[in-house]
Amino acid sequence: MLTTALRRHGERTCRDRHCYWAGGATAGTLLGPVIPDGIKGLDFAVTALFTVLAIDAFRAHRDVPTPLLALACALVARFVFPGQLLLAGFSLFTAGLLARYHWVRRQRPCA
C-alpha cells in the first residue's frame, strides 16, 4: 500500500514538473516577441541555463558517456554543419542516444 502511494506521488510530481516545463515554454513563446532586440547578455542566458542543467544532471547520475557524446555531437555539428549547429547537434545527439540505448540493451538482455 505504501509503495502504491509513493508511486502515485512520484507520478504526480513528474506530471507537475512536465506541466511547469510546458507552461514556462508556452509563456516564453508568447512573451518572447515583447522583449526588445539588443538586450545584452540575454542570448547567453539560455546557454548558461543549459550548462547548469547539464552539470546538475551529471552530478545526480554520474553518467560519463552522455556528456562526452553531447560534446562530440556539438563539435561535429560545429565543423561539419556550421550554419545548422543546433539542428545538426540535436539530431546527432538523439541518434547517438538511441544507438547507445540499443547497444546497452543488447549487452544486458531482459530476464
Protein backbone atom coordinates (compact mmCIF):
# COMPACT_ATOMS: atom_id res chain seq x y z
CA MET A 1 0.00 0.00 0.00
CA LEU A 2 2.83 2.37 0.82
CA THR A 3 4.52 1.50 -2.47
CA THR A 4 1.35 2.39 -4.37
CA ALA A 5 1.08 5.73 -2.55
CA LEU A 6 4.72 6.55 -3.28
CA ARG A 7 4.28 5.58 -6.93
CA ARG A 8 1.23 7.87 -7.23
CA HIS A 9 3.14 10.71 -5.56
CA GLY A 10 6.04 10.17 -7.96
CA GLU A 11 3.71 10.21 -10.96
CA ARG A 12 2.03 13.39 -9.73
CA THR A 13 5.39 15.07 -9.12
CA CYS A 14 6.61 14.08 -12.57
CA ARG A 15 3.37 15.31 -14.15
CA ASP A 16 3.68 18.61 -12.28
CA ARG A 17 7.25 19.07 -13.50
CA HIS A 18 6.16 18.47 -17.08
CA CYS A 19 3.34 21.00 -16.66
CA TYR A 20 5.77 23.58 -15.28
CA TRP A 21 8.13 22.97 -18.19
CA ALA A 22 5.37 23.16 -20.81
CA GLY A 23 3.83 26.22 -19.13
CA GLY A 24 7.17 28.01 -19.00
CA ALA A 25 7.90 27.19 -22.62
CA THR A 26 4.46 28.44 -23.65
CA ALA A 27 4.87 31.64 -21.64
CA GLY A 28 8.28 32.19 -23.20
CA THR A 29 6.87 31.69 -26.67
CA LEU A 30 4.05 34.13 -26.07
CA LEU A 31 6.10 36.76 -24.23
CA GLY A 32 9.29 36.43 -26.27
CA PRO A 33 8.20 38.85 -29.01
CA VAL A 34 7.56 41.53 -26.35
CA ILE A 35 11.24 41.59 -25.34
CA PRO A 36 13.08 44.25 -27.35
CA ASP A 37 16.03 43.29 -29.55
CA GLY A 38 19.51 44.23 -28.47
CA ILE A 39 19.38 43.36 -24.76
CA LYS A 40 22.98 42.47 -23.97
CA GLY A 41 23.56 39.12 -22.32
CA LEU A 42 20.10 37.69 -22.94
CA ASP A 43 21.37 35.37 -25.65
CA PHE A 44 23.88 33.91 -23.20
CA ALA A 45 21.21 33.24 -20.56
CA VAL A 46 19.94 30.14 -22.38
CA THR A 47 23.48 28.80 -22.76
CA ALA A 48 24.09 29.33 -19.05
CA LEU A 49 20.77 27.68 -18.18
CA PHE A 50 21.53 24.52 -20.14
CA THR A 51 25.08 24.42 -18.77
CA VAL A 52 23.76 24.48 -15.21
CA LEU A 53 21.12 21.85 -16.04
CA ALA A 54 23.78 19.60 -17.59
CA ILE A 55 26.08 19.94 -14.56
CA ASP A 56 23.19 19.19 -12.20
CA ALA A 57 22.16 16.13 -14.23
CA PHE A 58 25.73 14.86 -14.27
CA ARG A 59 26.08 15.25 -10.51
CA ALA A 60 22.84 13.33 -9.98
CA HIS A 61 23.64 10.38 -12.27
CA ARG A 62 27.43 10.37 -12.86
CA ASP A 63 26.89 9.17 -16.42
CA VAL A 64 30.16 9.98 -18.21
CA PRO A 65 29.34 8.71 -21.75
CA THR A 66 26.32 11.00 -22.21
CA PRO A 67 28.13 14.36 -21.74
CA LEU A 68 31.00 13.08 -23.88
CA LEU A 69 28.52 12.10 -26.59
CA ALA A 70 26.93 15.55 -26.36
CA LEU A 71 30.32 17.25 -26.68
CA ALA A 72 31.29 15.10 -29.66
CA CYS A 73 27.97 15.82 -31.41
CA ALA A 74 28.34 19.56 -30.78
CA LEU A 75 31.87 19.58 -32.20
CA VAL A 76 30.88 17.56 -35.28
CA ALA A 77 27.88 19.84 -35.86
CA ARG A 78 30.04 22.95 -35.38
CA PHE A 79 32.59 21.98 -38.01
CA VAL A 80 30.53 19.92 -40.47
CA PHE A 81 27.25 21.90 -40.35
CA PRO A 82 28.25 25.41 -39.16
CA GLY A 83 25.06 27.06 -40.39
CA GLN A 84 22.78 24.47 -38.77
CA LEU A 85 24.58 23.83 -35.50
CA LEU A 86 21.52 23.42 -33.27
CA LEU A 87 19.52 21.18 -35.60
CA ALA A 88 22.52 19.05 -36.55
CA GLY A 89 23.80 18.79 -32.98
CA PHE A 90 20.46 17.73 -31.53
CA SER A 91 19.87 15.28 -34.39
CA LEU A 92 23.28 13.67 -33.92
CA PHE A 93 22.82 13.56 -30.15
CA THR A 94 19.39 11.94 -30.46
CA ALA A 95 20.74 9.35 -32.89
CA GLY A 96 23.69 8.70 -30.59
CA LEU A 97 21.46 8.27 -27.54
CA LEU A 98 19.21 5.85 -29.42
CA ALA A 99 22.20 3.85 -30.64
CA ARG A 100 23.66 3.76 -27.12
CA TYR A 101 20.31 2.63 -25.67
CA HIS A 102 20.06 -0.25 -28.14
CA TRP A 103 23.71 -1.23 -27.58
CA VAL A 104 23.34 -1.24 -23.77
CA ARG A 105 20.05 -3.12 -24.02
CA ARG A 106 21.68 -5.78 -26.19
CA GLN A 107 24.54 -6.13 -23.68
CA ARG A 108 22.07 -6.72 -20.80
CA PRO A 109 19.19 -8.83 -22.10
CA CYS A 110 15.98 -8.84 -20.06
CA ALA A 111 15.42 -11.87 -17.86
